[in-house]
Amino acid sequence: MRVRATSRAWLALTPEPERELPAAIAVLRAGDDVPDVAREIARAEQLVLRGREAAYLAWLHEAATLATVQLHNDDPAVAQAANAVRDIVRNQAGLLLGLPGGGRRRERVRRALEAA
């Protein structure tokens, strides 16, 4: 018997990233400016309320890329945000294994997230 995944199964993954990533992403994007946390929170909310799995995974990948670029930043707040993002993204990559369906496409994305 084949298990059919709902298109919303990925929402089981969102609580930690939805809570933690917006502030960290805002810090990584800000550079010398003031982090726009409200904008990142709104983006995360839109993603969870109206997005799809592919958009969610792209958001995680974007966050991981930002973190990789800023990982060795001299600013402790930026380095801390980069480490937090990497931890969350790696955790989400592992949790993808528990979701039904997805096949090869999800496995490719999962490996890319773990590598980021």
PDB file of N, CA and C in Angstrom:
ATOM      1  N   MET A   1       0.832  -1.167   0.000  1.00  0.00           N
ATOM      2  CA  MET A   1       0.000   0.000   0.000  1.00  0.00           C
ATOM      3  C   MET A   1       0.887   1.243   0.000  1.00  0.00           C
ATOM      4  N   ARG A   2       0.536   2.184  -0.810  1.00  0.00           N
ATOM      5  CA  ARG A   2       1.309   3.421  -0.921  1.00  0.00           C
ATOM      6  C   ARG A   2       0.682   4.505  -0.052  1.00  0.00           C
ATOM      7  N   VAL A   3       1.531   5.215   0.697  1.00  0.00           N
ATOM      8  CA  VAL A   3       1.053   6.304   1.541  1.00  0.00           C
ATOM      9  C   VAL A   3       1.013   7.573   0.710  1.00  0.00           C
ATOM     10  N   ARG A   4      -0.121   8.219   0.718  1.00  0.00           N
ATOM     11  CA  ARG A   4      -0.250   9.474  -0.017  1.00  0.00           C
ATOM     12  C   ARG A   4      -0.037  10.642   0.938  1.00  0.00           C
ATOM     13  N   ALA A   5       0.879  11.515   0.584  1.00  0.00           N
ATOM     14  CA  ALA A   5       1.182  12.682   1.413  1.00  0.00           C
ATOM     15  C   ALA A   5       0.242  13.821   1.045  1.00  0.00           C
ATOM     16  N   THR A   6      -0.200  14.524   2.037  1.00  0.00           N
ATOM     17  CA  THR A   6      -0.971  15.726   1.745  1.00  0.00           C
ATOM     18  C   THR A   6       0.004  16.821   1.376  1.00  0.00           C
ATOM     19  N   SER A   7      -0.476  17.790   0.654  1.00  0.00           N
ATOM     20  CA  SER A   7       0.394  18.876   0.241  1.00  0.00           C
ATOM     21  C   SER A   7       0.757  19.782   1.419  1.00  0.00           C
ATOM     22  N   ARG A   8       0.151  19.548   2.577  1.00  0.00           N
ATOM     23  CA  ARG A   8       0.397  20.379   3.745  1.00  0.00           C
ATOM     24  C   ARG A   8       1.217  19.666   4.824  1.00  0.00           C
ATOM     25  N   ALA A   9       1.725  18.498   4.541  1.00  0.00           N
ATOM     26  CA  ALA A   9       2.492  17.742   5.541  1.00  0.00           C
ATOM     27  C   ALA A   9       3.689  18.532   6.047  1.00  0.00           C
ATOM     28  N   TRP A  10       4.270  19.368   5.226  1.00  0.00           N
ATOM     29  CA  TRP A  10       5.442  20.152   5.605  1.00  0.00           C
ATOM     30  C   TRP A  10       5.152  21.121   6.744  1.00  0.00           C
ATOM     31  N   LEU A  11       3.894  21.471   6.958  1.00  0.00           N
ATOM     32  CA  LEU A  11       3.561  22.410   8.028  1.00  0.00           C
ATOM     33  C   LEU A  11       3.902  21.858   9.410  1.00  0.00           C
ATOM     34  N   ALA A  12       4.059  20.552   9.515  1.00  0.00           N
ATOM     35  CA  ALA A  12       4.475  19.961  10.784  1.00  0.00           C
ATOM     36  C   ALA A  12       5.892  20.398  11.158  1.00  0.00           C
ATOM     37  N   LEU A  13       6.646  20.897  10.202  1.00  0.00           N
ATOM     38  CA  LEU A  13       8.043  21.293  10.422  1.00  0.00           C
ATOM     39  C   LEU A  13       8.209  22.749  10.850  1.00  0.00           C
ATOM     40  N   THR A  14       7.179  23.563  10.750  1.00  0.00           N
ATOM     41  CA  THR A  14       7.367  25.005  10.804  1.00  0.00           C
ATOM     42  C   THR A  14       7.503  25.676  12.160  1.00  0.00           C
ATOM     43  N   PRO A  15       7.064  25.149  13.289  1.00  0.00           N
ATOM     44  CA  PRO A  15       7.085  25.968  14.514  1.00  0.00           C
ATOM     45  C   PRO A  15       8.432  26.570  14.900  1.00  0.00           C
ATOM     46  N   GLU A  16       9.474  25.794  14.972  1.00  0.00           N
ATOM     47  CA  GLU A  16      10.771  26.351  15.383  1.00  0.00           C
ATOM     48  C   GLU A  16      11.294  27.374  14.373  1.00  0.00           C
ATOM     49  N   PRO A  17      11.335  27.052  13.085  1.00  0.00           N
ATOM     50  CA  PRO A  17      11.824  28.052  12.137  1.00  0.00           C
ATOM     51  C   PRO A  17      10.961  29.312  12.102  1.00  0.00           C
ATOM     52  N   GLU A  18       9.671  29.139  12.192  1.00  0.00           N
ATOM     53  CA  GLU A  18       8.778  30.299  12.160  1.00  0.00           C
ATOM     54  C   GLU A  18       9.037  31.223  13.345  1.00  0.00           C
ATOM     55  N   ARG A  19       9.394  30.641  14.478  1.00  0.00           N
ATOM     56  CA  ARG A  19       9.672  31.409  15.694  1.00  0.00           C
ATOM     57  C   ARG A  19      11.074  32.000  15.699  1.00  0.00           C
ATOM     58  N   GLU A  20      12.051  31.222  15.296  1.00  0.00           N
ATOM     59  CA  GLU A  20      13.462  31.584  15.492  1.00  0.00           C
ATOM     60  C   GLU A  20      14.148  32.217  14.276  1.00  0.00           C
ATOM     61  N   LEU A  21      13.788  31.799  13.086  1.00  0.00           N
ATOM     62  CA  LEU A  21      14.524  32.267  11.914  1.00  0.00           C
ATOM     63  C   LEU A  21      14.324  33.738  11.559  1.00  0.00           C
ATOM     64  N   PRO A  22      13.119  34.311  11.676  1.00  0.00           N
ATOM     65  CA  PRO A  22      12.985  35.710  11.243  1.00  0.00           C
ATOM     66  C   PRO A  22      13.986  36.673  11.888  1.00  0.00           C
ATOM     67  N   ALA A  23      14.166  36.597  13.184  1.00  0.00           N
ATOM     68  CA  ALA A  23      15.117  37.508  13.847  1.00  0.00           C
ATOM     69  C   ALA A  23      16.543  37.241  13.377  1.00  0.00           C
ATOM     70  N   ALA A  24      16.899  35.966  13.257  1.00  0.00           N
ATOM     71  CA  ALA A  24      18.258  35.629  12.824  1.00  0.00           C
ATOM     72  C   ALA A  24      18.493  36.063  11.384  1.00  0.00           C
ATOM     73  N   ILE A  25      17.520  35.830  10.512  1.00  0.00           N
ATOM     74  CA  ILE A  25      17.659  36.250   9.113  1.00  0.00           C
ATOM     75  C   ILE A  25      17.769  37.768   9.029  1.00  0.00           C
ATOM     76  N   ALA A  26      16.981  38.474   9.813  1.00  0.00           N
ATOM     77  CA  ALA A  26      17.038  39.940   9.816  1.00  0.00           C
ATOM     78  C   ALA A  26      18.430  40.440  10.194  1.00  0.00           C
ATOM     79  N   VAL A  27      19.039  39.816  11.185  1.00  0.00           N
ATOM     80  CA  VAL A  27      20.400  40.190  11.596  1.00  0.00           C
ATOM     81  C   VAL A  27      21.382  39.912  10.461  1.00  0.00           C
ATOM     82  N   LEU A  28      21.239  38.771   9.800  1.00  0.00           N
ATOM     83  CA  LEU A  28      22.160  38.413   8.721  1.00  0.00           C
ATOM     84  C   LEU A  28      22.017  39.350   7.523  1.00  0.00           C
ATOM     85  N   ARG A  29      20.812  39.785   7.242  1.00  0.00           N
ATOM     86  CA  ARG A  29      20.572  40.684   6.112  1.00  0.00           C
ATOM     87  C   ARG A  29      20.981  42.129   6.400  1.00  0.00           C
ATOM     88  N   ALA A  30      20.951  42.539   7.655  1.00  0.00           N
ATOM     89  CA  ALA A  30      21.067  43.951   8.026  1.00  0.00           C
ATOM     90  C   ALA A  30      22.407  44.578   7.694  1.00  0.00           C
ATOM     91  N   GLY A  31      23.471  43.830   7.808  1.00  0.00           N
ATOM     92  CA  GLY A  31      24.778  44.456   7.641  1.00  0.00           C
ATOM     93  C   GLY A  31      24.974  45.483   8.741  1.00  0.00           C
ATOM     94  N   ASP A  32      25.208  46.724   8.357  1.00  0.00           N
ATOM     95  CA  ASP A  32      25.388  47.803   9.340  1.00  0.00           C
ATOM     96  C   ASP A  32      24.075  48.495   9.683  1.00  0.00           C
ATOM     97  N   ASP A  33      22.986  48.119   9.030  1.00  0.00           N
ATOM     98  CA  ASP A  33      21.686  48.727   9.285  1.00  0.00           C
ATOM     99  C   ASP A  33      21.001  48.039  10.467  1.00  0.00           C
ATOM    100  N   VAL A  34      19.881  48.617  10.883  1.00  0.00           N
ATOM    101  CA  VAL A  34      19.071  48.018  11.943  1.00  0.00           C
ATOM    102  C   VAL A  34      18.299  46.843  11.344  1.00  0.00           C
ATOM    103  N   PRO A  35      18.337  45.673  11.974  1.00  0.00           N
ATOM    104  CA  PRO A  35      17.613  44.508  11.442  1.00  0.00           C
ATOM    105  C   PRO A  35      16.108  44.770  11.351  1.00  0.00           C
ATOM    106  N   ASP A  36      15.516  44.408  10.226  1.00  0.00           N
ATOM    107  CA  ASP A  36      14.074  44.573  10.018  1.00  0.00           C
ATOM    108  C   ASP A  36      13.370  43.256  10.365  1.00  0.00           C
ATOM    109  N   VAL A  37      13.258  43.001  11.652  1.00  0.00           N
ATOM    110  CA  VAL A  37      12.673  41.750  12.141  1.00  0.00           C
ATOM    111  C   VAL A  37      11.207  41.658  11.741  1.00  0.00           C
ATOM    112  N   ALA A  38      10.476  42.754  11.802  1.00  0.00           N
ATOM    113  CA  ALA A  38       9.045  42.742  11.464  1.00  0.00           C
ATOM    114  C   ALA A  38       8.828  42.263  10.030  1.00  0.00           C
ATOM    115  N   ARG A  39       9.673  42.701   9.119  1.00  0.00           N
ATOM    116  CA  ARG A  39       9.548  42.267   7.721  1.00  0.00           C
ATOM    117  C   ARG A  39       9.764  40.767   7.594  1.00  0.00           C
ATOM    118  N   GLU A  40      10.760  40.257   8.299  1.00  0.00           N
ATOM    119  CA  GLU A  40      11.048  38.817   8.222  1.00  0.00           C
ATOM    120  C   GLU A  40       9.948  37.990   8.892  1.00  0.00           C
ATOM    121  N   ILE A  41       9.374  38.515   9.969  1.00  0.00           N
ATOM    122  CA  ILE A  41       8.251  37.818  10.620  1.00  0.00           C
ATOM    123  C   ILE A  41       7.069  37.754   9.666  1.00  0.00           C
ATOM    124  N   ALA A  42       6.767  38.870   9.011  1.00  0.00           N
ATOM    125  CA  ALA A  42       5.659  38.898   8.057  1.00  0.00           C
ATOM    126  C   ALA A  42       5.901  37.922   6.913  1.00  0.00           C
ATOM    127  N   ARG A  43       7.127  37.845   6.463  1.00  0.00           N
ATOM    128  CA  ARG A  43       7.472  36.911   5.380  1.00  0.00           C
ATOM    129  C   ARG A  43       7.257  35.468   5.819  1.00  0.00           C
ATOM    130  N   ALA A  44       7.704  35.141   7.026  1.00  0.00           N
ATOM    131  CA  ALA A  44       7.519  33.782   7.547  1.00  0.00           C
ATOM    132  C   ALA A  44       6.035  33.456   7.708  1.00  0.00           C
ATOM    133  N   GLU A  45       5.276  34.410   8.213  1.00  0.00           N
ATOM    134  CA  GLU A  45       3.834  34.183   8.388  1.00  0.00           C
ATOM    135  C   GLU A  45       3.155  33.933   7.049  1.00  0.00           C
ATOM    136  N   GLN A  46       3.484  34.737   6.055  1.00  0.00           N
ATOM    137  CA  GLN A  46       2.907  34.545   4.723  1.00  0.00           C
ATOM    138  C   GLN A  46       3.258  33.172   4.169  1.00  0.00           C
ATOM    139  N   LEU A  47       4.475  32.780   4.368  1.00  0.00           N
ATOM    140  CA  LEU A  47       4.929  31.485   3.884  1.00  0.00           C
ATOM    141  C   LEU A  47       4.129  30.352   4.525  1.00  0.00           C
ATOM    142  N   VAL A  48       3.958  30.415   5.817  1.00  0.00           N
ATOM    143  CA  VAL A  48       3.249  29.352   6.526  1.00  0.00           C
ATOM    144  C   VAL A  48       1.756  29.375   6.201  1.00  0.00           C
ATOM    145  N   LEU A  49       1.189  30.557   6.109  1.00  0.00           N
ATOM    146  CA  LEU A  49      -0.258  30.648   5.880  1.00  0.00           C
ATOM    147  C   LEU A  49      -0.651  30.407   4.424  1.00  0.00           C
ATOM    148  N   ARG A  50       0.203  30.808   3.487  1.00  0.00           N
ATOM    149  CA  ARG A  50      -0.188  30.736   2.086  1.00  0.00           C
ATOM    150  C   ARG A  50       0.815  30.034   1.178  1.00  0.00           C
ATOM    151  N   GLY A  51       1.932  29.632   1.748  1.00  0.00           N
ATOM    152  CA  GLY A  51       2.983  29.053   0.930  1.00  0.00           C
ATOM    153  C   GLY A  51       2.810  27.570   0.668  1.00  0.00           C
ATOM    154  N   ARG A  52       3.741  27.043  -0.039  1.00  0.00           N
ATOM    155  CA  ARG A  52       3.796  25.612  -0.349  1.00  0.00           C
ATOM    156  C   ARG A  52       5.136  25.077   0.123  1.00  0.00           C
ATOM    157  N   GLU A  53       5.229  23.768   0.142  1.00  0.00           N
ATOM    158  CA  GLU A  53       6.455  23.129   0.613  1.00  0.00           C
ATOM    159  C   GLU A  53       7.681  23.630  -0.145  1.00  0.00           C
ATOM    160  N   ALA A  54       7.592  23.744  -1.452  1.00  0.00           N
ATOM    161  CA  ALA A  54       8.748  24.179  -2.244  1.00  0.00           C
ATOM    162  C   ALA A  54       9.215  25.568  -1.818  1.00  0.00           C
ATOM    163  N   ALA A  55       8.278  26.470  -1.543  1.00  0.00           N
ATOM    164  CA  ALA A  55       8.637  27.821  -1.105  1.00  0.00           C
ATOM    165  C   ALA A  55       9.259  27.792   0.287  1.00  0.00           C
ATOM    166  N   TYR A  56       8.731  26.936   1.153  1.00  0.00           N
ATOM    167  CA  TYR A  56       9.281  26.797   2.508  1.00  0.00           C
ATOM    168  C   TYR A  56      10.721  26.285   2.451  1.00  0.00           C
ATOM    169  N   LEU A  57      10.942  25.273   1.635  1.00  0.00           N
ATOM    170  CA  LEU A  57      12.291  24.715   1.521  1.00  0.00           C
ATOM    171  C   LEU A  57      13.246  25.719   0.874  1.00  0.00           C
ATOM    172  N   ALA A  58      12.751  26.502  -0.067  1.00  0.00           N
ATOM    173  CA  ALA A  58      13.582  27.553  -0.676  1.00  0.00           C
ATOM    174  C   ALA A  58      13.945  28.611   0.365  1.00  0.00           C
ATOM    175  N   TRP A  59      13.015  28.930   1.261  1.00  0.00           N
ATOM    176  CA  TRP A  59      13.273  29.889   2.342  1.00  0.00           C
ATOM    177  C   TRP A  59      14.363  29.359   3.259  1.00  0.00           C
ATOM    178  N   LEU A  60      14.278  28.074   3.603  1.00  0.00           N
ATOM    179  CA  LEU A  60      15.314  27.466   4.444  1.00  0.00           C
ATOM    180  C   LEU A  60      16.671  27.511   3.738  1.00  0.00           C
ATOM    181  N   HIS A  61      16.676  27.216   2.452  1.00  0.00           N
ATOM    182  CA  HIS A  61      17.931  27.226   1.700  1.00  0.00           C
ATOM    183  C   HIS A  61      18.511  28.636   1.633  1.00  0.00           C
ATOM    184  N   GLU A  62      17.655  29.620   1.413  1.00  0.00           N
ATOM    185  CA  GLU A  62      18.102  31.014   1.401  1.00  0.00           C
ATOM    186  C   GLU A  62      18.713  31.402   2.749  1.00  0.00           C
ATOM    187  N   ALA A  63      18.056  30.994   3.825  1.00  0.00           N
ATOM    188  CA  ALA A  63      18.567  31.286   5.171  1.00  0.00           C
ATOM    189  C   ALA A  63      19.928  30.622   5.381  1.00  0.00           C
ATOM    190  N   ALA A  64      20.050  29.386   4.934  1.00  0.00           N
ATOM    191  CA  ALA A  64      21.319  28.669   5.083  1.00  0.00           C
ATOM    192  C   ALA A  64      22.433  29.341   4.293  1.00  0.00           C
ATOM    193  N   THR A  65      22.099  29.837   3.125  1.00  0.00           N
ATOM    194  CA  THR A  65      23.089  30.532   2.300  1.00  0.00           C
ATOM    195  C   THR A  65      23.550  31.819   2.976  1.00  0.00           C
ATOM    196  N   LEU A  66      22.594  32.583   3.510  1.00  0.00           N
ATOM    197  CA  LEU A  66      22.960  33.790   4.258  1.00  0.00           C
ATOM    198  C   LEU A  66      23.875  33.451   5.434  1.00  0.00           C
ATOM    199  N   ALA A  67      23.551  32.386   6.131  1.00  0.00           N
ATOM    200  CA  ALA A  67      24.341  31.976   7.294  1.00  0.00           C
ATOM    201  C   ALA A  67      25.753  31.571   6.887  1.00  0.00           C
ATOM    202  N   THR A  68      25.867  30.867   5.791  1.00  0.00           N
ATOM    203  CA  THR A  68      27.190  30.428   5.331  1.00  0.00           C
ATOM    204  C   THR A  68      28.082  31.625   5.013  1.00  0.00           C
ATOM    205  N   VAL A  69      27.505  32.629   4.389  1.00  0.00           N
ATOM    206  CA  VAL A  69      28.266  33.834   4.038  1.00  0.00           C
ATOM    207  C   VAL A  69      28.721  34.585   5.289  1.00  0.00           C
ATOM    208  N   GLN A  70      27.908  34.574   6.329  1.00  0.00           N
ATOM    209  CA  GLN A  70      28.183  35.369   7.531  1.00  0.00           C
ATOM    210  C   GLN A  70      28.783  34.570   8.686  1.00  0.00           C
ATOM    211  N   LEU A  71      29.034  33.298   8.496  1.00  0.00           N
ATOM    212  CA  LEU A  71      29.432  32.416   9.593  1.00  0.00           C
ATOM    213  C   LEU A  71      30.647  32.915  10.373  1.00  0.00           C
ATOM    214  N   HIS A  72      31.627  33.454   9.714  1.00  0.00           N
ATOM    215  CA  HIS A  72      32.860  33.878  10.385  1.00  0.00           C
ATOM    216  C   HIS A  72      32.937  35.394  10.543  1.00  0.00           C
ATOM    217  N   ASN A  73      31.794  36.029  10.605  1.00  0.00           N
ATOM    218  CA  ASN A  73      31.723  37.473  10.790  1.00  0.00           C
ATOM    219  C   ASN A  73      32.293  37.833  12.158  1.00  0.00           C
ATOM    220  N   ASP A  74      32.984  38.969  12.239  1.00  0.00           N
ATOM    221  CA  ASP A  74      33.582  39.412  13.498  1.00  0.00           C
ATOM    222  C   ASP A  74      32.556  39.895  14.521  1.00  0.00           C
ATOM    223  N   ASP A  75      31.386  40.270  14.048  1.00  0.00           N
ATOM    224  CA  ASP A  75      30.327  40.740  14.943  1.00  0.00           C
ATOM    225  C   ASP A  75      29.713  39.514  15.642  1.00  0.00           C
ATOM    226  N   PRO A  76      29.791  39.433  16.957  1.00  0.00           N
ATOM    227  CA  PRO A  76      29.267  38.267  17.678  1.00  0.00           C
ATOM    228  C   PRO A  76      27.779  38.018  17.437  1.00  0.00           C
ATOM    229  N   ALA A  77      26.994  39.079  17.283  1.00  0.00           N
ATOM    230  CA  ALA A  77      25.552  38.910  17.045  1.00  0.00           C
ATOM    231  C   ALA A  77      25.302  38.255  15.686  1.00  0.00           C
ATOM    232  N   VAL A  78      26.080  38.647  14.699  1.00  0.00           N
ATOM    233  CA  VAL A  78      25.932  38.071  13.362  1.00  0.00           C
ATOM    234  C   VAL A  78      26.394  36.623  13.359  1.00  0.00           C
ATOM    235  N   ALA A  79      27.512  36.340  13.978  1.00  0.00           N
ATOM    236  CA  ALA A  79      28.008  34.963  14.055  1.00  0.00           C
ATOM    237  C   ALA A  79      27.023  34.072  14.810  1.00  0.00           C
ATOM    238  N   GLN A  80      26.443  34.598  15.882  1.00  0.00           N
ATOM    239  CA  GLN A  80      25.456  33.832  16.642  1.00  0.00           C
ATOM    240  C   GLN A  80      24.211  33.559  15.793  1.00  0.00           C
ATOM    241  N   ALA A  81      23.756  34.555  15.047  1.00  0.00           N
ATOM    242  CA  ALA A  81      22.600  34.371  14.168  1.00  0.00           C
ATOM    243  C   ALA A  81      22.906  33.332  13.096  1.00  0.00           C
ATOM    244  N   ALA A  82      24.104  33.388  12.530  1.00  0.00           N
ATOM    245  CA  ALA A  82      24.494  32.413  11.505  1.00  0.00           C
ATOM    246  C   ALA A  82      24.500  31.000  12.068  1.00  0.00           C
ATOM    247  N   ASN A  83      25.038  30.823  13.252  1.00  0.00           N
ATOM    248  CA  ASN A  83      25.050  29.498  13.875  1.00  0.00           C
ATOM    249  C   ASN A  83      23.644  29.009  14.189  1.00  0.00           C
ATOM    250  N   ALA A  84      22.788  29.899  14.653  1.00  0.00           N
ATOM    251  CA  ALA A  84      21.402  29.522  14.952  1.00  0.00           C
ATOM    252  C   ALA A  84      20.689  29.067  13.684  1.00  0.00           C
ATOM    253  N   VAL A  85      20.866  29.810  12.604  1.00  0.00           N
ATOM    254  CA  VAL A  85      20.241  29.451  11.332  1.00  0.00           C
ATOM    255  C   VAL A  85      20.732  28.083  10.868  1.00  0.00           C
ATOM    256  N   ARG A  86      22.025  27.884  10.916  1.00  0.00           N
ATOM    257  CA  ARG A  86      22.567  26.585  10.475  1.00  0.00           C
ATOM    258  C   ARG A  86      22.011  25.435  11.301  1.00  0.00           C
ATOM    259  N   ASP A  87      21.921  25.610  12.608  1.00  0.00           N
ATOM    260  CA  ASP A  87      21.372  24.547  13.469  1.00  0.00           C
ATOM    261  C   ASP A  87      19.921  24.243  13.127  1.00  0.00           C
ATOM    262  N   ILE A  88      19.137  25.291  12.957  1.00  0.00           N
ATOM    263  CA  ILE A  88      17.721  25.103  12.649  1.00  0.00           C
ATOM    264  C   ILE A  88      17.537  24.442  11.292  1.00  0.00           C
ATOM    265  N   VAL A  89      18.274  24.892  10.303  1.00  0.00           N
ATOM    266  CA  VAL A  89      18.146  24.333   8.952  1.00  0.00           C
ATOM    267  C   VAL A  89      18.573  22.867   8.935  1.00  0.00           C
ATOM    268  N   ARG A  90      19.651  22.541   9.598  1.00  0.00           N
ATOM    269  CA  ARG A  90      20.074  21.129   9.656  1.00  0.00           C
ATOM    270  C   ARG A  90      19.036  20.262  10.361  1.00  0.00           C
ATOM    271  N   ASN A  91      18.459  20.793  11.423  1.00  0.00           N
ATOM    272  CA  ASN A  91      17.402  20.066  12.118  1.00  0.00           C
ATOM    273  C   ASN A  91      16.204  19.832  11.192  1.00  0.00           C
ATOM    274  N   GLN A  92      15.816  20.859  10.455  1.00  0.00           N
ATOM    275  CA  GLN A  92      14.695  20.723   9.526  1.00  0.00           C
ATOM    276  C   GLN A  92      15.008  19.708   8.434  1.00  0.00           C
ATOM    277  N   ALA A  93      16.249  19.697   7.970  1.00  0.00           N
ATOM    278  CA  ALA A  93      16.644  18.723   6.954  1.00  0.00           C
ATOM    279  C   ALA A  93      16.457  17.305   7.476  1.00  0.00           C
ATOM    280  N   GLY A  94      16.829  17.069   8.719  1.00  0.00           N
ATOM    281  CA  GLY A  94      16.630  15.747   9.313  1.00  0.00           C
ATOM    282  C   GLY A  94      15.165  15.414   9.474  1.00  0.00           C
ATOM    283  N   LEU A  95      14.362  16.394   9.841  1.00  0.00           N
ATOM    284  CA  LEU A  95      12.931  16.154  10.027  1.00  0.00           C
ATOM    285  C   LEU A  95      12.214  15.855   8.719  1.00  0.00           C
ATOM    286  N   LEU A  96      12.760  16.313   7.605  1.00  0.00           N
ATOM    287  CA  LEU A  96      12.158  16.007   6.309  1.00  0.00           C
ATOM    288  C   LEU A  96      12.060  14.502   6.075  1.00  0.00           C
ATOM    289  N   LEU A  97      12.983  13.764   6.667  1.00  0.00           N
ATOM    290  CA  LEU A  97      12.969  12.307   6.506  1.00  0.00           C
ATOM    291  C   LEU A  97      11.687  11.684   7.040  1.00  0.00           C
ATOM    292  N   GLY A  98      11.076  12.312   8.023  1.00  0.00           N
ATOM    293  CA  GLY A  98       9.880  11.762   8.637  1.00  0.00           C
ATOM    294  C   GLY A  98       8.587  12.100   7.925  1.00  0.00           C
ATOM    295  N   LEU A  99       8.650  12.978   6.940  1.00  0.00           N
ATOM    296  CA  LEU A  99       7.433  13.347   6.226  1.00  0.00           C
ATOM    297  C   LEU A  99       7.080  12.294   5.184  1.00  0.00           C
ATOM    298  N   PRO A 100       5.801  12.014   5.035  1.00  0.00           N
ATOM    299  CA  PRO A 100       5.398  11.055   4.000  1.00  0.00           C
ATOM    300  C   PRO A 100       5.574  11.657   2.609  1.00  0.00           C
ATOM    301  N   GLY A 101       5.869  10.803   1.645  1.00  0.00           N
ATOM    302  CA  GLY A 101       5.973  11.236   0.254  1.00  0.00           C
ATOM    303  C   GLY A 101       7.201  12.083  -0.003  1.00  0.00           C
ATOM    304  N   GLY A 102       7.181  12.767  -1.124  1.00  0.00           N
ATOM    305  CA  GLY A 102       8.267  13.678  -1.447  1.00  0.00           C
ATOM    306  C   GLY A 102       9.293  13.103  -2.389  1.00  0.00           C
ATOM    307  N   GLY A 103       9.625  11.846  -2.208  1.00  0.00           N
ATOM    308  CA  GLY A 103      10.518  11.151  -3.111  1.00  0.00           C
ATOM    309  C   GLY A 103      11.865  11.809  -3.338  1.00  0.00           C
ATOM    310  N   ARG A 104      12.331  11.665  -4.574  1.00  0.00           N
ATOM    311  CA  ARG A 104      13.668  12.142  -4.936  1.00  0.00           C
ATOM    312  C   ARG A 104      13.813  13.653  -4.828  1.00  0.00           C
ATOM    313  N   ARG A 105      12.761  14.373  -5.186  1.00  0.00           N
ATOM    314  CA  ARG A 105      12.826  15.841  -5.133  1.00  0.00           C
ATOM    315  C   ARG A 105      13.120  16.310  -3.722  1.00  0.00           C
ATOM    316  N   ARG A 106      12.390  15.783  -2.759  1.00  0.00           N
ATOM    317  CA  ARG A 106      12.607  16.194  -1.368  1.00  0.00           C
ATOM    318  C   ARG A 106      13.968  15.727  -0.878  1.00  0.00           C
ATOM    319  N   GLU A 107      14.410  14.569  -1.308  1.00  0.00           N
ATOM    320  CA  GLU A 107      15.713  14.065  -0.877  1.00  0.00           C
ATOM    321  C   GLU A 107      16.836  14.963  -1.392  1.00  0.00           C
ATOM    322  N   ARG A 108      16.723  15.450  -2.618  1.00  0.00           N
ATOM    323  CA  ARG A 108      17.733  16.387  -3.154  1.00  0.00           C
ATOM    324  C   ARG A 108      17.775  17.658  -2.316  1.00  0.00           C
ATOM    325  N   VAL A 109      16.616  18.186  -2.001  1.00  0.00           N
ATOM    326  CA  VAL A 109      16.548  19.405  -1.201  1.00  0.00           C
ATOM    327  C   VAL A 109      17.103  19.149   0.191  1.00  0.00           C
ATOM    328  N   ARG A 110      16.752  18.022   0.778  1.00  0.00           N
ATOM    329  CA  ARG A 110      17.215  17.680   2.120  1.00  0.00           C
ATOM    330  C   ARG A 110      18.743  17.622   2.157  1.00  0.00           C
ATOM    331  N   ARG A 111      19.335  16.991   1.169  1.00  0.00           N
ATOM    332  CA  ARG A 111      20.806  16.911   1.127  1.00  0.00           C
ATOM    333  C   ARG A 111      21.433  18.295   0.968  1.00  0.00           C
ATOM    334  N   ALA A 112      20.824  19.138   0.158  1.00  0.00           N
ATOM    335  CA  ALA A 112      21.342  20.499  -0.033  1.00  0.00           C
ATOM    336  C   ALA A 112      21.253  21.289   1.274  1.00  0.00           C
ATOM    337  N   LEU A 113      20.180  21.109   2.022  1.00  0.00           N
ATOM    338  CA  LEU A 113      20.044  21.813   3.300  1.00  0.00           C
ATOM    339  C   LEU A 113      21.080  21.324   4.294  1.00  0.00           C
ATOM    340  N   GLU A 114      21.302  20.039   4.337  1.00  0.00           N
ATOM    341  CA  GLU A 114      22.307  19.504   5.275  1.00  0.00           C
ATOM    342  C   GLU A 114      23.706  20.002   4.919  1.00  0.00           C
ATOM    343  N   ALA A 115      23.979  20.161   3.648  1.00  0.00           N
ATOM    344  CA  ALA A 115      25.307  20.594   3.215  1.00  0.00           C
ATOM    345  C   ALA A 115      25.524  22.089   3.443  1.00  0.00           C
ATOM    346  N   ALA A 116      24.467  22.848   3.501  1.00  0.00           N
ATOM    347  CA  ALA A 116      24.588  24.311   3.623  1.00  0.00           C
ATOM    348  C   ALA A 116      25.098  24.704   5.000  1.00  0.00           C
TER     349      ALA A 116
END
